[in-house]
N, C-alpha and C. Protein backbone atom coordinates (compact mmCIF):
# COMPACT_ATOMS: atom_id res chain seq x y z
N UNK A 1 18.69 3.81 5.89
CA UNK A 1 18.33 2.72 4.94
C UNK A 1 17.22 2.04 5.43
N UNK A 2 16.20 1.89 4.62
CA UNK A 2 15.04 0.94 5.08
C UNK A 2 14.71 -0.20 3.93
N UNK A 3 14.47 -1.43 4.36
CA UNK A 3 14.27 -2.59 3.47
C UNK A 3 12.84 -2.87 4.04
N UNK A 4 11.82 -2.90 3.10
CA UNK A 4 10.65 -3.05 3.53
C UNK A 4 10.02 -4.16 2.62
N UNK A 5 9.82 -5.28 3.28
CA UNK A 5 9.53 -6.50 2.76
C UNK A 5 7.80 -6.79 2.74
N UNK A 6 7.25 -7.19 1.84
CA UNK A 6 5.86 -7.42 2.02
C UNK A 6 5.68 -8.83 0.96
N UNK A 7 4.17 -9.10 1.11
CA UNK A 7 3.72 -10.32 0.40
C UNK A 7 3.67 -11.66 0.88
N UNK A 8 3.97 -11.74 2.34
CA UNK A 8 3.80 -12.85 2.92
C UNK A 8 2.18 -13.16 3.18
N UNK A 9 2.13 -14.26 3.75
CA UNK A 9 0.52 -14.57 4.12
C UNK A 9 0.51 -16.13 4.31
N UNK A 10 -0.79 -16.25 4.20
CA UNK A 10 -1.09 -17.73 4.65
C UNK A 10 -1.49 -18.53 3.47
N UNK A 11 -1.01 -19.82 3.05
CA UNK A 11 -1.02 -20.25 1.74
C UNK A 11 -1.14 -21.75 2.01
N UNK A 12 -2.19 -22.59 1.22
CA UNK A 12 -2.04 -23.90 1.35
C UNK A 12 -0.77 -24.60 0.57
N UNK A 13 -0.20 -25.81 1.12
CA UNK A 13 0.83 -26.45 0.51
C UNK A 13 0.48 -26.56 -1.18
N UNK A 14 1.41 -26.29 -1.59
CA UNK A 14 1.29 -26.50 -3.37
C UNK A 14 1.14 -25.10 -3.91
N UNK A 15 0.95 -24.15 -2.93
CA UNK A 15 0.59 -22.80 -3.48
C UNK A 15 1.75 -22.03 -3.73
N UNK A 16 1.43 -20.75 -4.02
CA UNK A 16 2.48 -19.68 -4.61
C UNK A 16 2.26 -18.41 -3.78
N UNK A 17 3.48 -17.92 -3.59
CA UNK A 17 3.48 -16.44 -3.21
C UNK A 17 4.61 -15.75 -3.62
N UNK A 18 4.39 -14.27 -3.83
CA UNK A 18 5.38 -13.47 -4.37
C UNK A 18 5.93 -12.45 -3.43
N UNK A 19 7.14 -12.46 -2.91
CA UNK A 19 7.61 -11.58 -1.60
C UNK A 19 8.26 -10.35 -2.46
N UNK A 20 7.98 -9.22 -2.17
CA UNK A 20 8.76 -8.12 -2.34
C UNK A 20 9.47 -7.42 -1.33
N UNK A 21 10.57 -6.56 -1.91
CA UNK A 21 11.37 -5.94 -0.91
C UNK A 21 11.80 -4.60 -1.40
N UNK A 22 11.14 -3.54 -0.77
CA UNK A 22 11.61 -2.35 -1.66
C UNK A 22 12.58 -1.71 -0.74
N UNK A 23 13.51 -1.14 -1.38
CA UNK A 23 14.63 -0.39 -0.81
C UNK A 23 14.56 1.22 -0.82
N UNK A 24 14.82 1.89 0.35
CA UNK A 24 14.88 3.16 0.18
C UNK A 24 16.35 3.80 0.73
N UNK A 25 16.62 5.11 0.09
CA UNK A 25 17.97 5.62 1.13
C UNK A 25 19.18 4.80 0.57
N UNK A 26 19.09 3.90 -0.39
CA UNK A 26 20.24 3.05 -0.54
C UNK A 26 20.37 2.92 -2.16
N UNK A 27 21.74 3.18 -2.37
CA UNK A 27 22.18 2.80 -3.89
C UNK A 27 21.92 1.40 -4.29
N UNK A 28 20.70 1.09 -4.74
CA UNK A 28 20.40 -0.26 -4.81
C UNK A 28 21.54 -1.18 -5.66
N UNK A 29 21.84 -0.53 -6.80
CA UNK A 29 22.49 -1.34 -7.69
C UNK A 29 23.96 -1.59 -7.07
N UNK A 30 24.31 -0.92 -6.02
CA UNK A 30 25.78 -1.23 -5.56
C UNK A 30 25.69 -2.62 -4.34
N UNK A 31 24.68 -3.13 -4.59
CA UNK A 31 24.45 -4.13 -3.54
C UNK A 31 23.93 -5.33 -4.22
N UNK A 32 24.54 -6.73 -3.92
CA UNK A 32 24.00 -7.68 -4.15
C UNK A 32 22.71 -7.95 -3.17
N UNK A 33 21.80 -8.52 -3.29
CA UNK A 33 20.60 -8.78 -2.38
C UNK A 33 20.47 -10.30 -2.01
N UNK A 34 19.73 -10.40 -0.89
CA UNK A 34 19.34 -11.79 -0.82
C UNK A 34 18.26 -11.94 0.18
N UNK A 35 17.79 -12.89 0.33
CA UNK A 35 16.70 -13.43 1.36
C UNK A 35 17.11 -14.64 2.07
N UNK A 36 16.65 -14.56 3.37
CA UNK A 36 16.87 -15.43 4.57
C UNK A 36 15.53 -15.68 5.05
N UNK A 37 15.27 -16.64 5.94
CA UNK A 37 14.08 -16.95 6.42
C UNK A 37 14.53 -17.59 7.88
N UNK A 38 13.73 -17.30 8.79
CA UNK A 38 13.92 -17.76 10.17
C UNK A 38 12.39 -18.52 10.80
N UNK A 39 12.54 -19.73 11.11
CA UNK A 39 11.33 -20.51 11.36
C UNK A 39 11.40 -20.23 13.08
N UNK A 40 10.14 -20.54 13.77
CA UNK A 40 10.44 -20.14 15.26
C UNK A 40 11.37 -21.59 15.97
N UNK A 41 12.23 -20.97 16.82
CA UNK A 41 13.15 -22.00 17.29
C UNK A 41 14.27 -22.49 16.41
N UNK A 42 14.21 -22.01 15.28
CA UNK A 42 15.53 -22.49 14.44
C UNK A 42 16.33 -21.22 14.16
N UNK A 43 17.66 -21.54 13.55
CA UNK A 43 18.51 -20.48 13.17
C UNK A 43 17.98 -19.93 11.85
N UNK A 44 18.35 -18.60 11.62
CA UNK A 44 18.23 -17.82 10.47
C UNK A 44 18.82 -18.60 9.34
N UNK A 45 18.33 -18.87 8.07
CA UNK A 45 18.85 -19.67 7.08
C UNK A 45 18.85 -18.92 5.70
N UNK A 46 19.77 -19.17 5.01
CA UNK A 46 19.94 -18.55 3.42
C UNK A 46 18.99 -19.11 2.83
N UNK A 47 18.27 -18.32 1.94
CA UNK A 47 17.11 -18.90 0.88
C UNK A 47 17.71 -18.63 -0.56
N UNK A 48 18.09 -17.59 -0.80
CA UNK A 48 18.52 -16.97 -2.32
C UNK A 48 19.11 -15.56 -2.24
N UNK A 49 20.08 -15.44 -3.17
CA UNK A 49 20.74 -14.38 -3.46
C UNK A 49 21.10 -13.78 -5.19
N UNK A 50 20.98 -12.55 -5.22
CA UNK A 50 21.14 -12.26 -6.49
C UNK A 50 22.21 -11.20 -6.78
N UNK A 51 22.81 -11.23 -7.78
CA UNK A 51 23.97 -10.35 -8.24
C UNK A 51 23.43 -8.79 -8.60
N UNK A 52 24.22 -7.94 -8.51
CA UNK A 52 23.79 -6.55 -8.71
C UNK A 52 22.83 -6.02 -10.14
N UNK A 53 23.33 -7.03 -11.11
CA UNK A 53 22.61 -6.58 -12.21
C UNK A 53 21.56 -7.68 -12.25
N UNK A 54 21.32 -8.79 -11.53
CA UNK A 54 20.34 -9.81 -11.74
C UNK A 54 20.86 -11.03 -12.79
N UNK A 55 22.38 -10.81 -13.01
CA UNK A 55 22.98 -11.81 -14.27
C UNK A 55 23.11 -12.99 -13.31
N UNK A 56 23.42 -13.14 -12.10
CA UNK A 56 23.78 -14.39 -11.34
C UNK A 56 22.83 -14.61 -10.10
N UNK A 57 22.49 -15.80 -9.90
CA UNK A 57 21.40 -15.96 -8.60
C UNK A 57 22.21 -17.16 -7.76
N UNK A 58 21.75 -17.37 -6.86
CA UNK A 58 22.25 -18.51 -5.93
C UNK A 58 21.31 -19.21 -5.05
N UNK A 59 20.84 -20.27 -4.85
CA UNK A 59 19.68 -20.95 -3.84
C UNK A 59 20.14 -21.68 -2.96
N UNK A 60 19.52 -21.74 -2.03
CA UNK A 60 19.58 -22.89 -0.95
C UNK A 60 19.12 -24.14 -1.75
N UNK A 61 19.54 -25.40 -1.37
CA UNK A 61 19.14 -26.60 -1.98
C UNK A 61 17.96 -26.98 -1.37
N UNK A 62 17.47 -26.58 -0.17
CA UNK A 62 16.00 -26.84 0.10
C UNK A 62 14.68 -26.08 -0.83
N UNK A 63 15.55 -24.82 -1.62
CA UNK A 63 14.39 -24.42 -2.28
C UNK A 63 14.53 -24.36 -3.84
N UNK A 64 15.64 -24.63 -4.22
CA UNK A 64 16.14 -24.80 -5.54
C UNK A 64 15.19 -25.41 -6.45
N UNK A 65 14.70 -24.71 -7.79
CA UNK A 65 13.49 -25.27 -8.63
C UNK A 65 12.36 -24.89 -8.14
N UNK A 66 12.08 -24.39 -7.10
CA UNK A 66 10.92 -23.85 -6.56
C UNK A 66 10.87 -22.37 -6.07
N UNK A 67 11.85 -21.82 -6.19
CA UNK A 67 11.99 -20.28 -5.61
C UNK A 67 12.87 -19.81 -6.90
N UNK A 68 12.36 -18.44 -7.22
CA UNK A 68 13.06 -17.60 -8.18
C UNK A 68 13.46 -16.16 -7.45
N UNK A 69 14.41 -15.66 -7.44
CA UNK A 69 14.90 -14.51 -6.85
C UNK A 69 15.16 -13.54 -8.00
N UNK A 70 14.66 -12.23 -8.12
CA UNK A 70 14.68 -11.40 -9.21
C UNK A 70 14.93 -10.00 -8.61
N UNK A 71 15.40 -9.10 -9.43
CA UNK A 71 15.58 -7.71 -9.10
C UNK A 71 15.11 -6.56 -9.99
N UNK A 72 14.74 -5.58 -9.71
CA UNK A 72 14.20 -4.43 -10.72
C UNK A 72 15.18 -3.26 -10.05
N UNK A 73 16.15 -2.73 -10.72
CA UNK A 73 17.00 -1.78 -9.96
C UNK A 73 16.36 -0.44 -10.14
N UNK A 74 15.46 -0.46 -11.29
CA UNK A 74 14.90 1.06 -11.46
C UNK A 74 13.79 1.31 -10.56
N UNK A 75 13.35 0.16 -9.78
CA UNK A 75 12.40 0.39 -8.70
C UNK A 75 12.95 0.13 -7.25
N UNK A 76 14.35 -0.25 -7.34
CA UNK A 76 15.06 -0.74 -6.11
C UNK A 76 14.23 -1.60 -5.26
N UNK A 77 13.89 -2.66 -5.99
CA UNK A 77 13.01 -3.84 -5.48
C UNK A 77 13.83 -5.27 -5.78
N UNK A 78 13.67 -6.11 -4.53
CA UNK A 78 14.11 -7.47 -5.33
C UNK A 78 12.78 -8.33 -4.77
N UNK A 79 12.60 -9.35 -5.38
CA UNK A 79 11.54 -10.42 -5.51
C UNK A 79 11.89 -11.84 -5.01
N UNK A 80 11.05 -12.43 -4.49
CA UNK A 80 11.24 -14.06 -4.36
C UNK A 80 9.92 -14.76 -4.48
N UNK A 81 10.05 -15.01 -5.68
CA UNK A 81 8.75 -16.03 -6.30
C UNK A 81 8.96 -17.36 -5.69
N UNK A 82 7.84 -17.71 -5.04
CA UNK A 82 7.87 -19.04 -4.27
C UNK A 82 6.78 -19.93 -4.77
N UNK A 83 7.05 -20.91 -5.43
CA UNK A 83 6.01 -21.90 -5.98
C UNK A 83 6.13 -23.30 -5.18
N UNK A 84 5.20 -24.33 -5.40
CA UNK A 84 5.16 -25.46 -4.75
C UNK A 84 5.43 -25.34 -3.32
N UNK A 85 4.82 -24.71 -2.53
CA UNK A 85 5.08 -24.23 -0.95
C UNK A 85 4.82 -25.39 -0.27
N UNK A 86 5.79 -25.72 0.69
CA UNK A 86 5.72 -26.87 1.51
C UNK A 86 5.67 -26.19 3.10
N UNK A 87 4.95 -26.99 3.98
CA UNK A 87 4.75 -26.61 5.24
C UNK A 87 6.05 -26.27 5.85
N UNK A 88 7.02 -26.72 5.71
CA UNK A 88 8.61 -26.44 5.95
C UNK A 88 9.15 -25.23 5.76
N UNK A 89 8.34 -24.47 4.53
CA UNK A 89 8.78 -23.12 4.15
C UNK A 89 8.32 -22.09 5.18
N UNK A 90 7.51 -22.57 6.34
CA UNK A 90 6.83 -21.44 7.12
C UNK A 90 7.91 -20.88 7.87
N UNK A 91 8.03 -19.60 7.86
CA UNK A 91 9.10 -18.82 8.46
C UNK A 91 8.78 -17.47 8.37
N UNK A 92 9.69 -16.49 8.94
CA UNK A 92 9.57 -15.09 8.62
C UNK A 92 10.62 -14.92 7.74
N UNK A 93 10.19 -14.27 6.41
CA UNK A 93 11.40 -13.97 5.49
C UNK A 93 11.95 -12.66 5.46
N UNK A 94 13.25 -12.49 5.42
CA UNK A 94 13.89 -11.47 5.50
C UNK A 94 14.54 -11.09 4.36
N UNK A 95 14.74 -9.70 3.70
CA UNK A 95 15.45 -9.40 2.55
C UNK A 95 16.76 -8.67 3.22
N UNK A 96 17.80 -8.73 2.61
CA UNK A 96 18.98 -7.99 3.23
C UNK A 96 19.76 -7.41 2.06
N UNK A 97 20.66 -6.42 2.16
CA UNK A 97 21.55 -5.78 1.16
C UNK A 97 22.91 -6.37 1.53
N UNK A 98 23.76 -6.90 0.57
CA UNK A 98 25.14 -7.27 0.73
C UNK A 98 25.97 -6.10 0.73
N UNK A 99 27.25 -6.26 1.54
CA UNK A 99 27.97 -5.12 1.49
C UNK A 99 28.76 -4.37 0.20
N UNK A 100 28.58 -5.35 -0.72
CA UNK A 100 28.99 -5.01 -1.77
C UNK A 100 28.50 -5.78 -3.18
N UNK A 101 28.58 -5.02 -4.26
CA UNK A 101 28.21 -5.71 -5.62
C UNK A 101 28.91 -6.69 -6.36
N UNK A 102 28.59 -7.93 -6.85
CA UNK A 102 29.09 -8.68 -7.72
C UNK A 102 28.20 -9.12 -8.55
N UNK A 103 28.58 -9.56 -9.87
CA UNK A 103 28.07 -10.20 -11.00
C UNK A 103 28.91 -11.48 -11.26
N UNK A 104 30.12 -11.89 -10.41
CA UNK A 104 30.89 -13.05 -10.88
C UNK A 104 30.69 -14.03 -9.77
N UNK A 105 30.34 -13.82 -8.58
CA UNK A 105 30.30 -14.81 -7.22
C UNK A 105 29.79 -14.43 -6.27
N UNK A 106 28.76 -15.29 -6.13
CA UNK A 106 27.86 -15.14 -4.90
C UNK A 106 28.03 -16.01 -3.69
N UNK A 107 29.09 -16.75 -3.63
CA UNK A 107 29.36 -17.50 -2.69
C UNK A 107 29.30 -17.05 -1.28
N UNK A 108 29.85 -15.90 -1.17
CA UNK A 108 30.07 -15.31 0.18
C UNK A 108 28.51 -15.02 0.49
N UNK A 109 27.44 -14.57 -0.46
CA UNK A 109 26.37 -14.21 -0.21
C UNK A 109 25.33 -15.19 0.66
N UNK A 110 25.95 -16.36 0.81
CA UNK A 110 25.05 -17.30 1.37
C UNK A 110 25.13 -17.25 2.82
N UNK A 111 26.05 -16.50 3.36
CA UNK A 111 26.18 -16.35 4.89
C UNK A 111 25.71 -14.76 5.40
N UNK A 112 25.05 -14.70 6.37
CA UNK A 112 24.50 -13.54 6.60
C UNK A 112 25.27 -12.54 7.16
N UNK A 113 26.53 -12.85 7.59
CA UNK A 113 27.53 -11.85 8.21
C UNK A 113 27.93 -10.75 7.17
N UNK A 114 27.80 -11.16 5.90
CA UNK A 114 28.12 -10.43 4.83
C UNK A 114 27.00 -9.21 4.59
N UNK A 115 26.07 -9.18 5.24
CA UNK A 115 25.13 -8.40 4.90
C UNK A 115 24.81 -6.98 5.80
N UNK A 116 24.76 -6.03 5.13
CA UNK A 116 25.02 -4.87 5.94
C UNK A 116 23.67 -4.22 6.46
N UNK A 117 22.70 -4.42 5.63
CA UNK A 117 21.32 -3.93 5.98
C UNK A 117 20.11 -5.17 5.96
N UNK A 118 19.15 -5.10 6.80
CA UNK A 118 18.07 -5.97 7.02
C UNK A 118 16.89 -5.27 7.00
N UNK A 119 15.93 -6.16 6.38
CA UNK A 119 14.51 -5.62 6.42
C UNK A 119 13.88 -6.22 7.83
N UNK A 120 12.65 -5.86 7.73
CA UNK A 120 11.85 -6.48 8.96
C UNK A 120 11.18 -7.80 9.08
N UNK A 121 11.26 -8.25 7.66
CA UNK A 121 10.34 -9.27 7.51
C UNK A 121 9.21 -9.60 7.22
N UNK A 122 8.66 -10.63 6.67
CA UNK A 122 7.21 -10.86 6.16
C UNK A 122 7.00 -12.41 6.31
N UNK A 123 5.93 -12.62 7.14
CA UNK A 123 5.60 -13.98 7.68
C UNK A 123 5.08 -14.84 6.43
N UNK A 124 5.48 -16.00 6.30
CA UNK A 124 4.89 -17.05 5.20
C UNK A 124 4.54 -18.22 6.18
N UNK A 125 3.29 -18.69 6.01
CA UNK A 125 2.89 -19.77 6.60
C UNK A 125 2.10 -20.66 5.67
N UNK A 126 2.44 -21.86 5.73
CA UNK A 126 2.12 -22.89 4.65
C UNK A 126 1.34 -23.87 5.45
N UNK A 127 0.10 -23.97 5.17
CA UNK A 127 -0.76 -25.14 5.77
C UNK A 127 -0.70 -26.41 4.87
N UNK A 128 -0.72 -27.45 5.59
CA UNK A 128 -0.71 -28.96 5.19
C UNK A 128 -2.05 -29.24 4.75
């Protein structure tokens, strides 16, 4: 299984980025998907999660209202649209595949221990 994240880069505060994560060798629709991030010297933190059909989503309070997670099961790809970026959003962003699929409850998807597969990360740097 491979999760290939892309779309990171350097952007000014207030700008936008769209991250993508393409999965291969994975039955994509059998997994909830999530995005996490890790800044230097900090622990990895949850950003967003999405149910298998895209019907439900969950966001960290720190990004709620600025970030949208979506997925295209036909392309085995999950996206993270980030708007109104802040310097504190600077981090390496990782996509991950949860151990199971659900469209009813994403509460467990906030915790990294439930994810079976992880991508390599894409760096997002927001300048002030």
